[in-house]
Amino acid sequence: MEKQIRDFIQFLIIERGLAANTGKSYQNDLTLFLSFLEHLSENQEPPAEKAMNGWQDVTHYHLSAYIHQQKLKGAGPATIARKITSIRVFFRYLAQEKIIITDPSFFLEAPKMPFHLPKDLSKEDMAQLLDSLDPPDNAAGFRDLAMLELLYAAGLRVSELLSLTLGDVDLSLGYVRCLGKGSKERIIPIGSRSLETIRNYLTVARPQWVVNQRERGLFLNQKGKPLSRQWFWQMLKKRAEKAGIQANISPHTFRHSFATHLLVGGADLRSVQELLGHADVATTQIYTHLTDTRLKEVYNKTHPRA
């Protein structure tokens, strides 16, 4: 049963092109489910259930019992929904491979997810944060300003930002190329302000830190090594605090702000979808709730009969 999980993960990464981190998430979910099944079989609960000899012996009862156990352990709706997705995709794969005859997960219902609007910074707060770093006071300041300007200018995920190479940014044409989820490439135009900060970083800061001339990573630390997500998170927190930003801010706040500010400014939903790299426009539509809410706030504040 463990081997079939490993085969499934290889199938997702190699044939479906899923990111390694996504594959790891599937593997963790399925390994935990298998541990539950083994424990259930060892303790013979309930006694009427036959021994677990393979995935073909898994029933809807086992799935329901597992989800119930996860709820008792305090797993929230998002976690439960993710685990159910992992199980469903896995059993669909097993059915396609003729390892099982019937899919016990077919009628497994995911919990209803609470609707949370993504958080974004106002244009004023974003300008306050970025302007607080300009002009930079040292080499690290040039790098941090270039990273934050690019994150906002292109709506990148932090993982996409940190994996950029020197060849991914075209300073003459004004675009950045990145690999998103599922190794899908997209090319995003970037503005003059971001291009200027990248040029300054490449001129002032990066040459001071390069140890290995073969290093192609765009953004480096002072030892010439790639940067981590944890480092970026801490840097952003410190920069925001120093700029006097009161809002709770994260790297993903920049991506939300990028999308929201474009839509409020008049960009069409399909264009924003392309820029964000969303496979389905339905994913992008969450931002229309933000713009609708913002418009209603403006209306209530400004219309004399609101």
Protein backbone atom coordinates (compact mmCIF):
# COMPACT_ATOMS: atom_id res chain seq x y z
CA MET A 1 0.00 0.00 0.00
CA GLU A 2 2.93 2.33 0.73
CA LYS A 3 4.41 1.56 -2.69
CA GLN A 4 1.18 2.55 -4.39
CA ILE A 5 1.26 5.90 -2.59
CA ARG A 6 4.83 6.44 -3.83
CA ASP A 7 3.82 5.45 -7.37
CA PHE A 8 0.93 7.90 -7.18
CA ILE A 9 3.21 10.76 -6.10
CA GLN A 10 5.61 9.98 -8.96
CA PHE A 11 2.63 10.01 -11.33
CA LEU A 12 1.54 13.45 -10.09
CA ILE A 13 4.99 15.01 -10.36
CA ILE A 14 6.24 13.40 -13.57
CA GLU A 15 3.09 12.96 -15.66
CA ARG A 16 0.83 15.69 -14.27
CA GLY A 17 3.61 18.21 -13.69
CA LEU A 18 2.63 19.02 -10.09
CA ALA A 19 5.15 20.90 -7.98
CA ALA A 20 7.28 18.86 -5.60
CA ASN A 21 5.79 20.66 -2.59
CA THR A 22 2.27 19.77 -3.73
CA GLY A 23 3.32 16.15 -4.17
CA LYS A 24 4.78 16.16 -0.67
CA SER A 25 1.49 17.46 0.71
CA TYR A 26 -0.43 14.64 -0.99
CA GLN A 27 2.07 12.10 0.34
CA ASN A 28 1.78 13.37 3.90
CA ASP A 29 -2.03 13.23 3.80
CA LEU A 30 -2.12 9.72 2.38
CA THR A 31 0.57 8.40 4.73
CA LEU A 32 -1.45 9.62 7.71
CA PHE A 33 -4.56 7.97 6.29
CA LEU A 34 -2.67 4.70 5.82
CA SER A 35 -1.45 4.85 9.44
CA PHE A 36 -5.07 5.24 10.53
CA LEU A 37 -6.09 2.19 8.47
CA GLU A 38 -3.25 0.10 9.91
CA HIS A 39 -4.21 1.08 13.44
CA LEU A 40 -7.85 0.29 12.71
CA SER A 41 -6.93 -3.11 11.33
CA GLU A 42 -4.61 -3.98 14.24
CA ASN A 43 -7.30 -3.15 16.78
CA GLN A 44 -10.02 -4.81 14.70
CA GLU A 45 -12.46 -1.94 15.04
CA PRO A 46 -15.17 -2.81 14.32
CA PRO A 47 -14.69 -6.61 14.62
CA ALA A 48 -16.98 -7.21 11.64
CA GLU A 49 -14.60 -5.45 9.29
CA LYS A 50 -12.28 -7.78 7.38
CA ALA A 51 -8.50 -7.46 7.56
CA MET A 52 -6.91 -4.69 5.51
CA ASN A 53 -4.90 -6.41 2.78
CA GLY A 54 -4.85 -3.61 0.23
CA TRP A 55 -6.58 -0.48 -1.02
CA GLN A 56 -9.34 -2.63 -2.51
CA ASP A 57 -10.46 -3.39 1.06
CA VAL A 58 -11.03 0.27 1.96
CA THR A 59 -14.71 1.15 2.29
CA HIS A 60 -16.71 4.33 2.70
CA TYR A 61 -16.89 3.44 6.41
CA HIS A 62 -13.10 3.72 6.73
CA LEU A 63 -13.09 7.11 5.03
CA SER A 64 -15.91 8.46 7.18
CA ALA A 65 -14.25 7.16 10.34
CA TYR A 66 -10.97 8.81 9.38
CA ILE A 67 -12.57 12.19 8.69
CA HIS A 68 -14.49 11.94 11.97
CA GLN A 69 -11.24 11.22 13.83
CA GLN A 70 -9.58 14.25 12.22
CA LYS A 71 -12.46 16.48 13.32
CA LEU A 72 -12.15 15.16 16.89
CA LYS A 73 -8.46 16.05 16.79
CA GLY A 74 -9.39 19.64 15.97
CA ALA A 75 -8.71 19.79 12.23
CA GLY A 76 -10.45 22.77 10.67
CA PRO A 77 -12.61 22.81 7.51
CA ALA A 78 -9.69 23.81 5.26
CA THR A 79 -7.53 20.95 6.54
CA ILE A 80 -10.38 18.46 6.23
CA ALA A 81 -11.13 19.65 2.70
CA ARG A 82 -7.49 19.24 1.70
CA LYS A 83 -7.32 15.70 3.13
CA ILE A 84 -10.52 14.73 1.31
CA THR A 85 -9.11 16.09 -1.95
CA SER A 86 -5.93 14.04 -1.50
CA ILE A 87 -7.97 10.89 -0.86
CA ARG A 88 -10.33 11.49 -3.78
CA VAL A 89 -7.53 12.08 -6.27
CA PHE A 90 -5.65 9.04 -5.00
CA PHE A 91 -8.62 6.68 -5.29
CA ARG A 92 -9.43 8.04 -8.75
CA TYR A 93 -5.87 7.12 -9.72
CA LEU A 94 -6.24 3.64 -8.20
CA ALA A 95 -9.43 3.09 -10.20
CA GLN A 96 -7.75 4.22 -13.43
CA GLU A 97 -4.89 1.82 -12.76
CA LYS A 98 -7.40 -1.03 -12.15
CA ILE A 99 -6.06 -1.49 -8.61
CA ILE A 100 -9.57 -1.07 -7.20
CA ILE A 101 -12.93 -1.83 -8.80
CA THR A 102 -15.12 0.70 -6.99
CA ASP A 103 -14.16 4.11 -5.62
CA PRO A 104 -15.15 4.37 -1.93
CA SER A 105 -14.48 8.13 -1.92
CA PHE A 106 -17.12 8.89 -4.58
CA PHE A 107 -19.76 10.03 -2.08
CA LEU A 108 -17.33 11.59 0.39
CA GLU A 109 -18.50 15.14 1.06
CA ALA A 110 -16.11 17.99 1.73
CA PRO A 111 -17.06 20.49 4.46
CA LYS A 112 -18.40 23.87 3.47
CA MET A 113 -15.60 26.40 3.57
CA PRO A 114 -16.08 29.75 5.30
CA PHE A 115 -15.60 32.59 2.85
CA HIS A 116 -12.64 34.81 3.72
CA LEU A 117 -11.75 37.81 1.64
CA PRO A 118 -8.00 38.11 1.08
CA LYS A 119 -6.30 40.99 2.87
CA ASP A 120 -4.72 43.76 0.86
CA LEU A 121 -2.91 47.01 1.59
CA SER A 122 -4.39 50.29 0.47
CA LYS A 123 -2.53 52.16 -2.24
CA GLU A 124 -1.50 54.70 0.38
CA ASP A 125 -0.07 52.09 2.74
CA MET A 126 1.75 50.35 -0.10
CA ALA A 127 3.30 53.63 -1.19
CA GLN A 128 4.24 54.43 2.42
CA LEU A 129 6.01 51.09 2.80
CA LEU A 130 7.92 51.22 -0.49
CA ASP A 131 8.80 54.92 -0.18
CA SER A 132 10.22 54.29 3.31
CA LEU A 133 13.01 52.24 1.71
CA ASP A 134 13.81 54.84 -0.94
CA PRO A 135 16.54 55.94 -1.05
CA PRO A 136 18.20 52.80 0.42
CA ASP A 137 20.73 53.38 3.18
CA ASN A 138 22.95 50.36 2.40
CA ALA A 139 23.41 47.42 0.00
CA ALA A 140 20.77 45.34 1.79
CA GLY A 141 18.35 48.23 1.39
CA PHE A 142 18.86 48.22 -2.39
CA ARG A 143 18.06 44.50 -2.46
CA ASP A 144 15.02 44.69 -0.17
CA LEU A 145 13.55 47.62 -2.08
CA ALA A 146 14.05 45.82 -5.42
CA MET A 147 12.38 42.68 -4.06
CA LEU A 148 9.35 44.46 -2.62
CA GLU A 149 8.88 46.66 -5.68
CA LEU A 150 9.02 43.60 -7.95
CA LEU A 151 6.68 41.59 -5.72
CA TYR A 152 4.08 44.35 -5.97
CA ALA A 153 4.75 45.20 -9.63
CA ALA A 154 4.29 41.62 -10.86
CA GLY A 155 1.98 40.04 -8.27
CA LEU A 156 4.41 37.17 -7.74
CA ARG A 157 4.17 34.46 -5.12
CA VAL A 158 7.11 34.66 -2.72
CA SER A 159 8.37 31.27 -3.95
CA GLU A 160 8.37 32.63 -7.51
CA LEU A 161 10.24 35.76 -6.44
CA LEU A 162 12.95 33.84 -4.59
CA SER A 163 13.52 31.39 -7.44
CA LEU A 164 14.14 34.06 -10.10
CA THR A 165 17.44 33.93 -11.97
CA LEU A 166 19.37 36.67 -13.71
CA GLY A 167 17.94 35.58 -17.05
CA ASP A 168 14.34 35.84 -15.86
CA VAL A 169 14.26 39.63 -15.84
CA ASP A 170 14.57 41.56 -19.11
CA LEU A 171 15.48 45.11 -18.14
CA SER A 172 15.40 46.43 -21.71
CA LEU A 173 11.93 45.14 -22.61
CA GLY A 174 10.54 45.42 -19.09
CA TYR A 175 9.21 42.00 -18.18
CA VAL A 176 9.83 39.17 -15.74
CA ARG A 177 9.46 35.47 -16.51
CA CYS A 178 8.54 33.07 -13.72
CA LEU A 179 7.51 29.48 -13.17
CA GLY A 180 4.32 29.18 -11.19
CA LYS A 181 2.42 26.20 -9.80
CA GLY A 182 2.78 23.08 -11.89
CA SER A 183 5.88 24.59 -13.56
CA LYS A 184 3.64 26.79 -15.72
CA GLU A 185 5.58 29.68 -17.20
CA ARG A 186 4.15 33.17 -17.46
CA ILE A 187 5.62 36.47 -18.61
CA ILE A 188 4.58 39.60 -16.73
CA PRO A 189 5.28 43.23 -17.68
CA ILE A 190 6.82 45.36 -14.95
CA GLY A 191 6.90 49.13 -14.60
CA SER A 192 9.73 51.62 -14.70
CA ARG A 193 9.88 52.02 -10.90
CA SER A 194 10.52 48.32 -10.36
CA LEU A 195 13.01 48.14 -13.25
CA GLU A 196 14.98 51.05 -11.79
CA THR A 197 15.26 49.41 -8.36
CA ILE A 198 16.42 46.12 -9.92
CA ARG A 199 19.07 47.93 -11.98
CA ASN A 200 20.31 49.69 -8.85
CA TYR A 201 20.45 46.42 -6.91
CA LEU A 202 22.38 44.69 -9.70
CA THR A 203 24.83 47.61 -9.86
CA VAL A 204 25.31 48.38 -6.17
CA ALA A 205 24.52 45.33 -4.03
CA ARG A 206 24.70 42.00 -5.83
CA PRO A 207 28.31 42.34 -7.09
CA GLN A 208 29.47 42.81 -3.48
CA TRP A 209 28.02 39.47 -2.39
CA VAL A 210 28.69 37.11 -5.30
CA VAL A 211 31.13 34.39 -4.23
CA ASN A 212 30.56 31.87 -7.01
CA GLN A 213 30.45 33.50 -10.44
CA ARG A 214 28.26 30.63 -11.63
CA GLU A 215 25.51 31.63 -9.20
CA ARG A 216 22.52 32.66 -11.33
CA GLY A 217 20.04 33.45 -8.58
CA LEU A 218 18.78 37.01 -8.87
CA PHE A 219 18.39 37.84 -5.19
CA LEU A 220 21.13 36.75 -2.78
CA ASN A 221 22.11 37.20 0.84
CA GLN A 222 25.37 38.79 1.90
CA LYS A 223 27.14 35.41 1.66
CA GLY A 224 26.13 35.00 -1.95
CA LYS A 225 23.49 32.36 -1.20
CA PRO A 226 19.80 32.16 -2.17
CA LEU A 227 17.26 33.59 0.27
CA SER A 228 14.67 31.58 2.22
CA ARG A 229 10.97 32.23 2.69
CA GLN A 230 11.52 32.55 6.45
CA TRP A 231 14.13 35.25 5.90
CA PHE A 232 11.85 37.14 3.53
CA TRP A 233 8.95 36.98 5.99
CA GLN A 234 11.10 38.42 8.78
CA MET A 235 12.54 41.11 6.51
CA LEU A 236 9.07 42.20 5.42
CA LYS A 237 7.80 42.34 9.01
CA LYS A 238 10.74 44.54 10.05
CA ARG A 239 10.42 46.84 7.06
CA ALA A 240 6.66 47.24 7.55
CA GLU A 241 7.08 47.97 11.26
CA LYS A 242 9.78 50.54 10.54
CA ALA A 243 7.52 52.19 7.94
CA GLY A 244 4.72 52.48 10.50
CA ILE A 245 2.33 50.09 8.73
CA GLN A 246 -0.28 48.97 11.26
CA ALA A 247 -1.95 46.31 9.09
CA ASN A 248 -1.01 42.66 9.51
CA ILE A 249 1.16 42.08 6.46
CA SER A 250 2.56 38.97 4.78
CA PRO A 251 4.30 38.26 1.46
CA HIS A 252 0.95 37.19 -0.01
CA THR A 253 -0.50 40.59 0.92
CA PHE A 254 1.49 42.03 -1.99
CA ARG A 255 -0.12 39.57 -4.43
CA HIS A 256 -3.60 40.40 -3.15
CA SER A 257 -2.86 44.12 -3.35
CA PHE A 258 -1.54 43.75 -6.90
CA ALA A 259 -4.77 42.09 -8.05
CA THR A 260 -7.10 44.39 -6.13
CA HIS A 261 -5.44 47.61 -7.24
CA LEU A 262 -5.52 46.50 -10.88
CA LEU A 263 -9.22 45.66 -10.75
CA VAL A 264 -10.12 48.86 -8.89
CA GLY A 265 -8.13 50.74 -11.53
CA GLY A 266 -10.24 49.24 -14.31
CA ALA A 267 -8.34 46.10 -15.39
CA ASP A 268 -10.53 43.27 -16.72
CA LEU A 269 -10.76 40.00 -14.82
CA ARG A 270 -9.29 37.86 -17.60
CA SER A 271 -6.13 39.98 -17.78
CA VAL A 272 -5.65 39.80 -14.02
CA GLN A 273 -6.14 36.02 -14.21
CA GLU A 274 -3.30 35.79 -16.76
CA LEU A 275 -1.02 38.00 -14.70
CA LEU A 276 -1.64 35.98 -11.53
CA GLY A 277 -1.23 32.66 -13.33
CA HIS A 278 -4.59 31.26 -12.21
CA ALA A 279 -5.64 28.21 -14.22
CA ASP A 280 -9.32 28.99 -13.66
CA VAL A 281 -10.88 32.43 -13.78
CA ALA A 282 -13.13 31.35 -10.88
CA THR A 283 -10.07 31.58 -8.63
CA THR A 284 -9.54 35.19 -9.68
CA GLN A 285 -13.20 36.10 -9.12
CA ILE A 286 -12.65 36.25 -5.37
CA TYR A 287 -11.10 39.66 -5.97
CA THR A 288 -14.33 41.00 -7.44
CA HIS A 289 -15.78 40.69 -3.93
CA LEU A 290 -13.01 42.97 -2.72
CA THR A 291 -13.68 45.58 -5.38
CA ASP A 292 -17.44 45.36 -4.79
CA THR A 293 -16.88 45.87 -1.05
CA ARG A 294 -14.56 48.80 -1.71
CA LEU A 295 -17.05 50.45 -4.06
CA LYS A 296 -19.83 50.04 -1.50
CA GLU A 297 -17.66 51.67 1.17
CA VAL A 298 -16.94 54.60 -1.14
CA TYR A 299 -20.64 54.91 -1.99
CA ASN A 300 -21.71 54.89 1.67
CA LYS A 301 -19.12 57.53 2.56
CA THR A 302 -19.72 59.88 -0.35
CA HIS A 303 -23.32 59.64 -1.56
CA PRO A 304 -25.54 62.19 0.19
CA ARG A 305 -28.48 59.78 0.36
CA ALA A 306 -26.59 56.59 1.22
